[in-house]
Amino acid sequence: MSVPLFVPTRVAGAADVAALQFGRRPDGVRVGIAFSSMELLRAATGPRQEWIRMHESVLRELLAPSGISIIQLDPVLVGPDVGTPAPAPAVRDSVLAGHGGR
């Protein structure tokens, strides 16, 4: 018999609605997140992270409609999605000409 996992959640919409927290691997693939113990969840997410316990099979069923088939078990750090960094602003030639070019 499988042991229930600790799955991080977040409040979605109404205060009494919990949503699963997803993650991304370095290659950009979305993953479900789960922990094998409360201690590992707290170490990776901090003391205020909300969570729910569920079996892996239930977690997979809930992730499937979002197209997620991978569960990252016991990640060492879970943080906000930082997205793609914005490109650096263009520097105009006229600005550069006034610095050190004399």
N, C-alpha and C. Protein backbone atom coordinates (compact mmCIF):
# COMPACT_ATOMS: atom_id res chain seq x y z
N MET A 1 0.85 -1.19 0.00
CA MET A 1 0.00 0.00 0.00
C MET A 1 0.89 1.24 0.00
N SER A 2 0.55 2.22 -0.86
CA SER A 2 1.37 3.43 -0.94
C SER A 2 1.05 4.38 0.21
N VAL A 3 2.04 5.17 0.56
CA VAL A 3 1.91 6.15 1.64
C VAL A 3 1.49 7.48 1.03
N PRO A 4 0.53 8.20 1.63
CA PRO A 4 0.15 9.51 1.09
C PRO A 4 1.34 10.48 1.08
N LEU A 5 1.37 11.31 0.06
CA LEU A 5 2.41 12.32 -0.10
C LEU A 5 1.93 13.66 0.46
N PHE A 6 2.86 14.54 0.75
CA PHE A 6 2.57 15.92 1.14
C PHE A 6 2.67 16.76 -0.12
N VAL A 7 1.56 17.38 -0.53
CA VAL A 7 1.50 18.11 -1.79
C VAL A 7 1.25 19.59 -1.50
N PRO A 8 2.16 20.47 -1.93
CA PRO A 8 1.96 21.90 -1.69
C PRO A 8 0.77 22.44 -2.48
N THR A 9 0.02 23.34 -1.84
CA THR A 9 -1.13 23.96 -2.48
C THR A 9 -1.05 25.47 -2.31
N ARG A 10 -1.94 26.15 -3.01
CA ARG A 10 -2.08 27.59 -2.88
C ARG A 10 -3.56 27.90 -2.92
N VAL A 11 -3.94 29.04 -2.38
CA VAL A 11 -5.34 29.46 -2.42
C VAL A 11 -5.65 29.95 -3.82
N ALA A 12 -6.78 29.50 -4.35
CA ALA A 12 -7.19 29.91 -5.69
C ALA A 12 -8.60 30.47 -5.63
N GLY A 13 -8.74 31.73 -5.96
CA GLY A 13 -10.06 32.34 -5.95
C GLY A 13 -10.59 32.50 -4.54
N ALA A 14 -11.62 31.75 -4.23
CA ALA A 14 -12.23 31.81 -2.89
C ALA A 14 -11.25 31.26 -1.86
N ALA A 15 -11.36 31.77 -0.66
CA ALA A 15 -10.42 31.39 0.40
C ALA A 15 -10.48 29.91 0.76
N ASP A 16 -11.56 29.24 0.41
CA ASP A 16 -11.68 27.83 0.77
C ASP A 16 -11.38 26.88 -0.38
N VAL A 17 -10.78 27.39 -1.45
CA VAL A 17 -10.43 26.57 -2.61
C VAL A 17 -8.91 26.44 -2.69
N ALA A 18 -8.44 25.20 -2.67
CA ALA A 18 -6.99 24.95 -2.78
C ALA A 18 -6.66 24.48 -4.18
N ALA A 19 -5.56 24.96 -4.71
CA ALA A 19 -5.07 24.53 -6.02
C ALA A 19 -3.70 23.91 -5.84
N LEU A 20 -3.43 22.89 -6.62
CA LEU A 20 -2.11 22.26 -6.57
C LEU A 20 -1.06 23.25 -7.04
N GLN A 21 0.11 23.17 -6.46
CA GLN A 21 1.23 24.01 -6.89
C GLN A 21 2.06 23.22 -7.89
N PHE A 22 2.27 23.77 -9.06
CA PHE A 22 3.09 23.15 -10.09
C PHE A 22 4.50 23.72 -10.02
N GLY A 23 5.41 23.07 -10.70
CA GLY A 23 6.77 23.57 -10.82
C GLY A 23 7.26 23.40 -12.24
N ARG A 24 8.49 23.81 -12.46
CA ARG A 24 9.14 23.63 -13.76
C ARG A 24 10.55 23.11 -13.55
N ARG A 25 10.93 22.18 -14.39
CA ARG A 25 12.31 21.72 -14.38
C ARG A 25 13.15 22.76 -15.11
N PRO A 26 14.47 22.68 -14.99
CA PRO A 26 15.32 23.65 -15.70
C PRO A 26 15.09 23.68 -17.22
N ASP A 27 14.62 22.55 -17.80
CA ASP A 27 14.36 22.53 -19.24
C ASP A 27 12.98 23.08 -19.59
N GLY A 28 12.23 23.58 -18.59
CA GLY A 28 10.94 24.21 -18.83
C GLY A 28 9.74 23.29 -18.72
N VAL A 29 9.94 21.99 -18.58
CA VAL A 29 8.83 21.04 -18.48
C VAL A 29 8.10 21.24 -17.16
N ARG A 30 6.77 21.35 -17.21
CA ARG A 30 5.96 21.50 -16.00
C ARG A 30 5.88 20.17 -15.26
N VAL A 31 5.93 20.24 -13.95
CA VAL A 31 5.88 19.04 -13.11
C VAL A 31 4.96 19.27 -11.92
N GLY A 32 4.41 18.17 -11.41
CA GLY A 32 3.72 18.21 -10.14
C GLY A 32 4.77 18.15 -9.05
N ILE A 33 4.45 18.65 -7.89
CA ILE A 33 5.42 18.68 -6.78
C ILE A 33 4.82 17.91 -5.61
N ALA A 34 5.64 17.04 -5.00
CA ALA A 34 5.19 16.29 -3.83
C ALA A 34 6.39 15.98 -2.94
N PHE A 35 6.09 15.74 -1.67
CA PHE A 35 7.14 15.45 -0.70
C PHE A 35 6.77 14.19 0.07
N SER A 36 7.80 13.46 0.45
CA SER A 36 7.59 12.22 1.19
C SER A 36 7.45 12.46 2.69
N SER A 37 7.79 13.67 3.16
CA SER A 37 7.64 13.97 4.59
C SER A 37 7.37 15.46 4.78
N MET A 38 6.77 15.78 5.91
CA MET A 38 6.51 17.17 6.27
C MET A 38 7.82 17.94 6.41
N GLU A 39 8.85 17.30 6.96
CA GLU A 39 10.14 17.96 7.16
C GLU A 39 10.74 18.39 5.83
N LEU A 40 10.66 17.55 4.81
CA LEU A 40 11.22 17.90 3.50
C LEU A 40 10.40 19.00 2.84
N LEU A 41 9.07 18.97 2.99
CA LEU A 41 8.23 20.03 2.45
C LEU A 41 8.61 21.36 3.08
N ARG A 42 8.72 21.41 4.40
CA ARG A 42 9.06 22.64 5.12
C ARG A 42 10.45 23.15 4.74
N ALA A 43 11.40 22.24 4.59
CA ALA A 43 12.76 22.65 4.23
C ALA A 43 12.80 23.30 2.85
N ALA A 44 11.98 22.83 1.93
CA ALA A 44 12.00 23.35 0.56
C ALA A 44 11.09 24.55 0.35
N THR A 45 10.00 24.65 1.11
CA THR A 45 9.01 25.68 0.83
C THR A 45 8.84 26.71 1.93
N GLY A 46 9.33 26.40 3.12
CA GLY A 46 9.17 27.32 4.24
C GLY A 46 8.02 26.91 5.14
N PRO A 47 7.94 27.54 6.31
CA PRO A 47 6.98 27.11 7.33
C PRO A 47 5.52 27.48 7.04
N ARG A 48 5.27 28.39 6.12
CA ARG A 48 3.89 28.85 5.89
C ARG A 48 3.23 28.20 4.69
N GLN A 49 3.92 27.30 4.03
CA GLN A 49 3.35 26.65 2.84
C GLN A 49 2.14 25.80 3.22
N GLU A 50 1.04 26.00 2.53
CA GLU A 50 -0.13 25.16 2.73
C GLU A 50 0.07 23.86 1.97
N TRP A 51 -0.60 22.80 2.40
CA TRP A 51 -0.39 21.49 1.80
C TRP A 51 -1.62 20.61 2.03
N ILE A 52 -1.64 19.52 1.29
CA ILE A 52 -2.67 18.50 1.45
C ILE A 52 -2.00 17.15 1.27
N ARG A 53 -2.52 16.14 1.91
CA ARG A 53 -1.96 14.79 1.74
C ARG A 53 -2.82 14.03 0.75
N MET A 54 -2.17 13.32 -0.17
CA MET A 54 -2.89 12.47 -1.12
C MET A 54 -1.95 11.40 -1.66
N HIS A 55 -2.55 10.34 -2.13
CA HIS A 55 -1.78 9.25 -2.73
C HIS A 55 -1.31 9.66 -4.13
N GLU A 56 -0.23 9.07 -4.56
CA GLU A 56 0.33 9.39 -5.86
C GLU A 56 -0.69 9.21 -6.99
N SER A 57 -1.47 8.16 -6.93
CA SER A 57 -2.46 7.90 -7.99
C SER A 57 -3.47 9.05 -8.09
N VAL A 58 -3.91 9.60 -6.96
CA VAL A 58 -4.85 10.72 -6.97
C VAL A 58 -4.17 11.96 -7.52
N LEU A 59 -2.93 12.21 -7.12
CA LEU A 59 -2.18 13.36 -7.62
C LEU A 59 -2.04 13.27 -9.14
N ARG A 60 -1.71 12.10 -9.65
CA ARG A 60 -1.58 11.92 -11.11
C ARG A 60 -2.90 12.22 -11.83
N GLU A 61 -4.01 11.77 -11.24
CA GLU A 61 -5.32 12.04 -11.84
C GLU A 61 -5.61 13.54 -11.88
N LEU A 62 -5.24 14.25 -10.83
CA LEU A 62 -5.48 15.69 -10.78
C LEU A 62 -4.56 16.48 -11.70
N LEU A 63 -3.35 15.98 -11.94
CA LEU A 63 -2.39 16.66 -12.81
C LEU A 63 -2.68 16.42 -14.30
N ALA A 64 -3.28 15.29 -14.62
CA ALA A 64 -3.48 14.89 -16.02
C ALA A 64 -4.22 15.94 -16.86
N PRO A 65 -5.31 16.55 -16.39
CA PRO A 65 -6.00 17.55 -17.22
C PRO A 65 -5.12 18.76 -17.58
N SER A 66 -4.09 19.02 -16.79
CA SER A 66 -3.16 20.12 -17.09
C SER A 66 -2.02 19.67 -17.99
N GLY A 67 -2.05 18.41 -18.40
CA GLY A 67 -1.00 17.88 -19.27
C GLY A 67 0.29 17.55 -18.54
N ILE A 68 0.22 17.41 -17.23
CA ILE A 68 1.41 17.12 -16.44
C ILE A 68 1.44 15.63 -16.11
N SER A 69 2.54 14.98 -16.48
CA SER A 69 2.66 13.54 -16.21
C SER A 69 3.85 13.21 -15.31
N ILE A 70 4.65 14.21 -14.97
CA ILE A 70 5.84 14.00 -14.15
C ILE A 70 5.60 14.58 -12.76
N ILE A 71 5.97 13.81 -11.74
CA ILE A 71 5.91 14.31 -10.36
C ILE A 71 7.33 14.42 -9.84
N GLN A 72 7.71 15.61 -9.43
CA GLN A 72 9.03 15.83 -8.82
C GLN A 72 8.88 15.54 -7.34
N LEU A 73 9.49 14.47 -6.88
CA LEU A 73 9.40 14.07 -5.48
C LEU A 73 10.58 14.64 -4.70
N ASP A 74 10.29 15.31 -3.61
CA ASP A 74 11.28 15.87 -2.69
C ASP A 74 12.27 16.84 -3.35
N PRO A 75 11.76 17.85 -4.09
CA PRO A 75 12.69 18.86 -4.60
C PRO A 75 13.31 19.62 -3.42
N VAL A 76 14.52 20.10 -3.58
CA VAL A 76 15.20 20.76 -2.47
C VAL A 76 14.84 22.23 -2.34
N LEU A 77 14.28 22.82 -3.39
CA LEU A 77 13.88 24.23 -3.33
C LEU A 77 12.66 24.42 -4.21
N VAL A 78 11.65 25.06 -3.66
CA VAL A 78 10.46 25.40 -4.42
C VAL A 78 10.26 26.89 -4.26
N GLY A 79 10.26 27.60 -5.37
CA GLY A 79 10.09 29.04 -5.32
C GLY A 79 9.10 29.50 -6.36
N PRO A 80 8.83 30.78 -6.41
CA PRO A 80 7.89 31.30 -7.39
C PRO A 80 8.45 31.17 -8.79
N ASP A 81 7.56 31.09 -9.76
CA ASP A 81 7.98 31.03 -11.16
C ASP A 81 8.53 32.40 -11.54
N VAL A 82 9.80 32.44 -11.88
CA VAL A 82 10.41 33.72 -12.23
C VAL A 82 10.28 34.03 -13.70
N GLY A 83 9.79 33.10 -14.49
CA GLY A 83 9.56 33.34 -15.90
C GLY A 83 10.86 33.56 -16.66
N THR A 84 10.70 34.07 -17.85
CA THR A 84 11.85 34.36 -18.69
C THR A 84 12.34 35.77 -18.41
N PRO A 85 13.64 35.95 -18.19
CA PRO A 85 14.12 37.30 -17.91
C PRO A 85 13.85 38.24 -19.09
N ALA A 86 13.52 39.46 -18.77
CA ALA A 86 13.28 40.46 -19.80
C ALA A 86 14.60 40.82 -20.47
N PRO A 87 14.57 41.11 -21.78
CA PRO A 87 15.81 41.50 -22.45
C PRO A 87 16.32 42.82 -21.88
N ALA A 88 17.63 42.99 -21.93
CA ALA A 88 18.24 44.23 -21.44
C ALA A 88 17.79 45.38 -22.33
N PRO A 89 17.55 46.54 -21.76
CA PRO A 89 17.14 47.68 -22.59
C PRO A 89 18.25 48.07 -23.56
N ALA A 90 17.83 48.51 -24.72
CA ALA A 90 18.81 48.93 -25.73
C ALA A 90 19.48 50.21 -25.29
N VAL A 91 20.77 50.29 -25.53
CA VAL A 91 21.53 51.51 -25.21
C VAL A 91 21.77 52.23 -26.51
N ARG A 92 21.38 53.48 -26.56
CA ARG A 92 21.51 54.26 -27.80
C ARG A 92 22.95 54.70 -28.00
N ASP A 93 23.37 54.76 -29.24
CA ASP A 93 24.73 55.20 -29.59
C ASP A 93 25.03 56.59 -29.07
N SER A 94 24.01 57.47 -29.05
CA SER A 94 24.27 58.84 -28.61
C SER A 94 24.62 58.89 -27.13
N VAL A 95 24.08 57.97 -26.35
CA VAL A 95 24.39 57.92 -24.92
C VAL A 95 25.83 57.45 -24.75
N LEU A 96 26.22 56.41 -25.50
CA LEU A 96 27.58 55.88 -25.40
C LEU A 96 28.62 56.89 -25.86
N ALA A 97 28.28 57.70 -26.85
CA ALA A 97 29.25 58.65 -27.41
C ALA A 97 29.68 59.68 -26.37
N GLY A 98 28.84 59.96 -25.38
CA GLY A 98 29.18 60.96 -24.39
C GLY A 98 29.99 60.44 -23.24
N HIS A 99 30.34 59.17 -23.21
CA HIS A 99 31.08 58.58 -22.10
C HIS A 99 32.40 57.97 -22.58
N GLY A 100 33.48 58.54 -22.18
CA GLY A 100 34.81 57.96 -22.41
C GLY A 100 35.30 57.99 -23.84
N GLY A 101 34.55 58.59 -24.73
CA GLY A 101 34.98 58.58 -26.11
C GLY A 101 35.73 59.84 -26.51
N ARG A 102 36.13 60.65 -25.59
CA ARG A 102 36.77 61.93 -25.94
C ARG A 102 38.23 61.86 -25.85
